[in-house]
Protein backbone atom coordinates (compact mmCIF):
# COMPACT_ATOMS: atom_id res chain seq x y z
CA MET A 1 38.82 139.30 4.53
CA ASN A 2 38.64 140.91 7.89
CA VAL A 3 40.34 140.97 11.29
CA LEU A 4 38.17 140.85 14.48
CA ILE A 5 39.71 142.96 17.04
CA ALA A 6 38.98 142.66 20.86
CA SER A 7 38.29 145.76 22.46
CA LEU A 8 37.22 145.03 25.84
CA ASN A 9 38.27 148.08 27.43
CA THR A 10 37.76 150.99 24.98
CA ALA A 11 38.63 154.46 25.74
CA ILE A 12 38.45 158.01 25.03
CA GLU A 13 41.98 159.07 24.89
CA ARG A 14 43.06 162.68 25.66
CA LEU A 15 46.41 163.63 24.18
CA LEU A 16 48.07 166.63 25.81
CA LEU A 17 51.14 168.45 24.66
CA VAL A 18 53.15 170.56 27.30
CA ASP A 19 56.41 172.28 26.97
CA GLN A 20 57.58 170.38 30.08
CA GLN A 21 56.03 168.66 33.11
CA ARG A 22 56.31 170.27 36.29
CA PRO A 23 54.40 168.51 39.22
CA GLY A 24 52.30 170.98 41.36
CA THR A 25 51.89 173.87 38.85
CA VAL A 26 49.38 174.95 36.34
CA HIS A 27 50.33 173.87 32.64
CA ARG A 28 49.18 175.77 29.57
CA LEU A 29 48.69 173.15 26.77
CA LEU A 30 50.49 173.62 23.56
CA ASN A 31 48.07 171.25 21.90
CA ASP A 32 45.42 168.69 22.67
CA LYS A 33 43.54 166.03 20.87
CA THR A 34 40.78 163.72 21.57
CA LEU A 35 40.74 160.36 19.75
CA ALA A 36 38.96 157.00 20.32
CA GLY A 37 41.52 154.89 22.00
CA GLY A 38 42.49 151.67 23.53
CA LYS A 39 44.93 149.02 22.11
CA GLY A 40 42.45 147.61 19.93
CA VAL A 41 41.28 150.88 18.36
CA ASN A 42 44.96 151.49 17.79
CA VAL A 43 45.43 148.28 15.93
CA ALA A 44 42.23 149.01 13.92
CA ARG A 45 43.26 152.36 13.04
CA VAL A 46 46.52 151.17 11.63
CA LEU A 47 44.77 148.16 9.56
CA ARG A 48 42.51 150.94 8.21
CA GLN A 49 45.37 152.97 6.88
CA LEU A 50 47.22 149.89 5.32
CA GLN A 51 44.43 149.21 3.30
CA PRO A 52 45.23 151.69 0.34
CA GLN A 53 48.98 150.63 0.59
CA LEU A 54 49.01 147.10 0.96
CA GLU A 55 47.26 145.04 -1.81
CA ASN A 56 44.71 142.51 -0.22
CA ALA A 57 45.12 144.17 3.18
CA PRO A 58 42.27 142.84 5.37
CA ALA A 59 39.64 145.17 7.01
CA PRO A 60 39.37 145.70 10.80
CA LEU A 61 36.30 144.96 12.70
CA LEU A 62 36.16 146.04 16.43
CA LEU A 63 34.24 144.18 18.98
CA GLY A 64 33.59 145.28 22.51
CA PHE A 65 31.74 147.24 25.04
CA LEU A 66 30.69 151.09 24.94
CA GLY A 67 28.55 153.14 27.57
CA GLY A 68 27.45 156.26 28.73
CA ALA A 69 28.18 159.78 27.29
CA THR A 70 31.79 158.71 26.61
CA GLY A 71 30.60 155.78 24.89
CA ARG A 72 28.59 157.89 22.52
CA LEU A 73 31.47 160.18 21.66
CA CYS A 74 33.55 157.17 21.22
CA ARG A 75 31.16 156.11 18.52
CA GLU A 76 31.29 159.45 16.89
CA LEU A 77 35.21 159.30 16.92
CA LEU A 78 35.25 155.82 15.46
CA ALA A 79 32.67 156.81 12.71
CA GLU A 80 34.79 159.89 11.71
CA GLU A 81 37.74 157.48 11.10
CA GLY A 82 35.84 154.97 9.30
CA LEU A 83 36.36 152.29 11.98
CA ASP A 84 33.69 149.71 11.98
CA GLY A 85 32.70 147.74 15.16
CA ARG A 86 30.02 145.62 16.60
CA TRP A 87 29.38 147.22 20.15
CA CYS A 88 27.78 145.97 23.24
CA GLU A 89 25.86 148.71 24.91
CA ILE A 90 26.72 148.69 28.70
CA ALA A 91 25.27 150.45 31.77
CA ALA A 92 28.53 152.03 32.97
CA SER A 93 30.68 154.69 31.04
CA THR A 94 33.52 154.07 28.85
CA ARG A 95 36.67 155.23 30.42
CA ILE A 96 38.73 158.40 29.66
CA CYS A 97 42.53 158.03 29.66
CA GLU A 98 45.27 160.72 29.23
CA VAL A 99 48.64 160.76 27.72
CA VAL A 100 50.88 163.78 28.49
CA THR A 101 53.80 164.48 26.42
CA GLU A 102 56.49 166.87 26.55
CA GLN A 103 57.48 168.88 23.34
CA LYS A 104 61.26 168.59 24.25
CA ALA A 105 61.14 164.92 25.21
CA PRO A 106 58.38 163.02 23.13
CA ASP A 107 59.61 159.73 23.77
CA LYS A 108 58.90 159.99 27.64
CA ALA A 109 55.27 160.30 27.60
CA SER A 110 53.16 159.92 30.77
CA VAL A 111 50.32 157.69 30.34
CA TYR A 112 47.11 157.67 32.79
CA ASN A 113 45.01 154.82 32.03
CA ALA A 114 41.80 154.55 33.73
CA ILE A 115 40.48 151.05 35.23
CA GLY A 116 37.29 150.91 33.01
CA PRO A 117 33.93 150.06 33.52
CA ALA A 118 32.41 147.12 35.18
CA ILE A 119 30.78 144.62 33.07
CA GLN A 120 27.53 142.93 33.89
CA PRO A 121 26.77 139.45 33.40
CA GLU A 122 23.89 140.06 30.81
CA GLU A 123 26.23 142.51 29.19
CA TYR A 124 29.02 139.85 28.79
CA ARG A 125 26.56 137.22 27.71
CA ARG A 126 25.32 139.65 24.86
CA LEU A 127 28.92 140.22 23.70
CA TRP A 128 29.59 136.65 23.58
CA SER A 129 26.61 136.08 21.20
CA MET A 130 28.07 138.86 19.00
CA LEU A 131 31.42 137.33 18.91
CA ALA A 132 29.93 133.69 18.08
CA ALA A 133 28.39 135.50 15.12
CA GLU A 134 31.05 137.16 13.69
CA LEU A 135 34.18 135.05 14.42
CA PRO A 136 33.39 132.28 11.78
CA ARG A 137 33.70 135.09 8.94
CA ALA A 138 36.92 136.56 10.23
CA SER A 139 40.35 135.65 8.98
CA ALA A 140 42.20 136.55 12.18
CA VAL A 141 41.37 137.49 15.63
CA VAL A 142 43.53 140.03 17.66
CA CYS A 143 43.37 140.06 21.46
CA THR A 144 44.98 143.03 22.90
CA GLY A 145 44.96 145.43 25.79
CA SER A 146 43.61 145.47 29.23
CA LEU A 147 40.28 144.08 30.18
CA ALA A 148 37.29 145.61 31.93
CA GLN A 149 36.12 145.12 35.46
CA ASN A 150 34.56 141.84 36.19
CA LEU A 151 36.30 140.03 33.02
CA THR A 152 38.33 137.08 34.13
CA PRO A 153 41.99 136.94 33.23
CA ASP A 154 41.53 134.01 30.94
CA GLU A 155 39.00 135.90 28.83
CA TYR A 156 41.41 136.15 25.77
CA GLY A 157 42.11 132.50 26.14
CA ARG A 158 38.38 131.98 25.61
CA TRP A 159 38.45 134.01 22.36
CA ILE A 160 41.66 131.93 21.23
CA SER A 161 40.13 128.79 21.68
CA LEU A 162 37.00 129.69 19.76
CA ALA A 163 39.25 130.94 17.19
CA ARG A 164 41.08 127.82 16.54
CA GLU A 165 37.87 125.72 16.49
CA HIS A 166 37.10 127.84 13.45
CA GLY A 167 40.47 127.77 11.92
CA VAL A 168 41.20 131.29 12.52
CA ILE A 169 44.65 132.80 13.28
CA SER A 170 44.86 134.38 16.84
CA LEU A 171 47.42 136.89 18.09
CA LEU A 172 47.83 137.76 21.66
CA ASP A 173 49.17 141.05 23.17
CA THR A 174 48.54 141.52 26.83
CA HIS A 175 50.12 141.54 30.19
CA GLY A 176 50.05 140.35 33.62
CA ALA A 177 47.66 137.59 34.75
CA ALA A 178 45.94 137.98 31.33
CA LEU A 179 48.96 136.94 29.59
CA LEU A 180 49.91 134.14 31.49
CA GLN A 181 46.24 132.73 31.60
CA SER A 182 45.38 133.35 28.11
CA ALA A 183 48.77 132.17 26.75
CA ALA A 184 47.78 128.78 28.06
CA ALA A 185 45.16 128.66 25.35
CA LEU A 186 47.94 128.79 22.82
CA PRO A 187 47.52 131.58 20.37
CA ASP A 188 49.43 131.41 17.16
CA ILE A 189 51.36 134.64 17.99
CA ILE A 190 52.21 136.16 21.29
CA LYS A 191 53.51 139.53 21.17
CA ILE A 192 54.77 141.18 24.21
CA ASN A 193 57.26 143.62 25.26
CA ARG A 194 60.39 142.93 27.37
CA ASP A 195 59.19 144.91 30.34
CA GLU A 196 55.77 142.91 30.27
CA LEU A 197 57.60 139.65 30.13
CA ARG A 198 59.53 140.47 33.24
CA GLN A 199 56.49 141.85 34.97
CA ALA A 200 54.56 138.48 34.02
CA ASN A 201 56.94 136.41 35.93
CA ALA A 202 60.59 137.87 36.81
CA GLU A 203 61.90 134.47 37.81
CA THR A 204 60.96 132.51 34.84
CA ALA A 205 61.05 135.36 32.15
CA ASP A 206 63.67 133.95 29.91
CA ASP A 207 62.06 130.62 29.91
CA LEU A 208 58.50 131.61 29.13
CA PRO A 209 58.92 132.05 25.23
CA GLY A 210 60.34 128.65 24.83
CA HIS A 211 57.84 127.20 27.05
CA TRP A 212 55.07 128.69 25.09
CA LEU A 213 56.75 127.57 21.64
CA ALA A 214 57.18 123.90 23.17
CA GLN A 215 53.44 123.87 24.10
CA GLY A 216 52.21 124.88 20.59
CA VAL A 217 52.44 128.69 20.02
CA ARG A 218 53.67 129.29 16.49
CA CYS A 219 55.60 132.62 17.11
CA VAL A 220 56.83 134.64 19.99
CA ILE A 221 57.82 138.37 19.42
CA ILE A 222 59.58 140.42 22.12
CA THR A 223 59.88 144.06 21.59
CA ASP A 224 62.33 146.06 23.65
CA GLY A 225 61.86 149.89 23.18
CA GLN A 226 64.38 151.14 20.93
CA GLN A 227 66.50 148.01 21.09
CA PRO A 228 66.28 145.22 18.35
CA THR A 229 63.03 143.25 18.45
CA GLN A 230 63.50 139.26 19.09
CA ALA A 231 61.08 137.21 17.01
CA LEU A 232 60.84 133.33 17.31
CA THR A 233 59.24 132.13 14.24
CA PRO A 234 58.29 128.98 12.07
CA ASP A 235 61.08 130.15 9.68
CA GLY A 236 63.56 130.45 12.35
CA ASN A 237 64.72 133.04 15.09
CA PHE A 238 65.43 136.68 13.92
CA THR A 239 66.39 140.11 15.31
CA ILE A 240 64.81 143.22 13.71
CA ALA A 241 66.27 146.69 14.18
CA ALA A 242 63.62 149.30 13.36
CA PRO A 243 64.68 152.27 11.28
CA ALA A 244 65.45 155.53 13.16
CA VAL A 245 62.65 158.14 12.96
CA ALA A 246 62.06 161.68 14.49
CA THR A 247 59.95 160.53 17.56
CA LEU A 248 56.83 162.44 18.16
CA SER A 249 55.24 159.86 20.43
CA ALA A 250 55.84 156.31 20.84
CA VAL A 251 52.56 155.50 22.48
CA GLY A 252 50.74 152.91 20.06
CA SER A 253 53.77 151.92 18.50
CA GLY A 254 53.37 148.29 19.72
CA ASP A 255 49.70 148.29 18.44
CA ALA A 256 50.96 149.49 14.96
CA TYR A 257 53.53 146.65 14.91
CA CYS A 258 50.69 143.97 15.59
CA ALA A 259 48.49 145.80 12.93
CA GLY A 260 51.49 145.72 10.37
CA LEU A 261 52.18 141.91 11.30
CA ILE A 262 48.82 140.50 11.06
CA ALA A 263 48.08 142.53 7.74
CA SER A 264 51.24 141.13 6.22
CA LEU A 265 50.39 137.63 7.17
CA LEU A 266 47.06 137.66 5.64
CA ALA A 267 47.74 139.77 2.59
CA ARG A 268 50.87 138.00 1.36
CA PRO A 269 51.09 134.76 3.28
CA GLN A 270 53.80 133.34 0.82
CA SER A 271 56.25 136.19 1.56
CA GLY A 272 57.80 134.59 4.73
CA TRP A 273 58.23 135.90 8.33
CA ALA A 274 61.26 138.16 7.63
CA ALA A 275 59.02 140.07 5.28
CA HIS A 276 56.12 140.03 7.67
CA LEU A 277 58.29 141.18 10.50
CA THR A 278 59.75 144.00 8.29
CA LEU A 279 56.45 145.55 7.61
CA ALA A 280 55.66 145.23 11.39
CA ALA A 281 58.67 147.07 12.21
CA ALA A 282 58.09 149.85 9.65
CA CYS A 283 54.58 150.41 11.16
CA GLY A 284 55.83 150.57 14.57
CA ALA A 285 58.46 153.27 13.37
CA ALA A 286 55.61 154.99 11.13
CA ASN A 287 53.69 155.54 14.51
CA ALA A 288 56.39 156.58 16.59
CA ALA A 289 56.75 159.46 14.06
CA SER A 290 53.15 160.63 14.63
CA SER A 291 51.75 162.70 17.44
CA THR A 292 48.76 160.39 17.90
CA ALA A 293 48.40 156.75 17.66
CA GLY A 294 48.67 155.58 13.92
CA LEU A 295 50.83 155.98 11.01
CA ALA A 296 52.43 159.29 10.21
CA THR A 297 51.34 160.64 6.83
CA ASP A 298 54.64 162.35 5.99
CA VAL A 299 56.96 159.14 6.01
CA SER A 300 56.91 156.27 3.30
CA LEU A 301 56.41 152.94 4.67
CA HIS A 302 58.19 151.41 1.72
CA VAL A 303 61.16 153.50 2.63
CA LEU A 304 60.94 152.53 6.16
CA GLN A 305 60.80 148.74 5.31
CA GLN A 306 63.99 149.24 3.24
CA ARG A 307 65.85 150.78 6.40
CA CYS A 308 64.70 147.78 8.42
CA ALA A 309 67.59 145.47 9.48
CA VAL A 310 66.35 141.79 9.91
CA ARG A 311 68.97 139.30 10.88
CA ALA A 312 68.61 135.68 11.20
CA VAL A 313 69.85 134.28 14.54
CA ARG A 314 70.99 130.78 15.17
CA SER A 315 69.11 128.89 17.87
CA PRO A 316 71.31 127.89 20.81
CA ALA A 317 72.43 124.19 20.62
C-alpha cells in the first residue's frame, strides 16, 4: 500500500537560525541545515516516520521533476532519508528556498520560496507517462504545493480525475488559481488554511467549502494557525484543538497534518473521521516541535493524540 505524492516544484530547503532578524545587517547564523524540501517531500517525510509507529501505515512514493546540480543534491538528500521517488530529469535546475527563523520567536519564521524551474513539453509528457504507470498501484494520491513554471493551474485537477478513474483516494492542498481550478475536479479531500481560503476568493471564502461539498467533495478541512481546525466530514462537522507544544518551527505543520490524515484513513479506515483528525492534528503539533519539517523525535504521538480536543459541531439549520 503506497501513497503517490505530487512533487511538482521540489526544492532544496535551507533552514537558517538567527538570534534576531535585523534588515540591512550581517547575520551570524546560530545553526543551518540543508534538506530536500517542498510540500510533497514534507508529506513523504512524515509518512515515512509514521511507518514504525502506525500499523499498516502506507509507504510514500514521490513523483515529480528534478534537474541540474541542485536536483542531484536533492536526490542524495532524499536517499539519505530513505524517501523513494520516480523523478523526471529536466534541463532546468531544481529551486532553492530559504527559511529564516529567529531563536526567540520560532513561530514567526520568514520563508523565501523561489518560483521554480520551467518545465518543457517533452519533460511534462515523460512525467505523465510515469504517473500513468504508478497511479493504478497507489492507494491514495496527494496533490500538494505550488506548481513549477509552464504547468497550468488545473494540473492537480488532471491528477485527481485520473485517480478517480482508478478508484484511488485523492487529497488536494494548494492555493490560488491552482486550488480553485483543481477543486473543480472534486478531490475526496480538500485541506486548506484560512488565509489561503480568503486569498482564493475573498468575496466567497465562507461559501466555498459548502459549494465544494455540494458538488461532491467528501471532506473539507480548514486549518487556522493556532486556532481550532474546522473539518466538514462524512461523519459530521468537527472542530479540533491541537495540543500545545514548545514550537521550534511551524513550517511544514500543514504537510504533517495531511500525512497523518491520509495515513490514518488508509491504515485504519474503520476508525472514523474523529480518529483520523486526531492523528492529523497530533502530527501537525509534532512537526511544530521540530526545528525542521518532520515529526519531532522527543515527543510522543500517542500522548499528543490524547491531548487533542475533537468536538462535534451541529450543522446550521
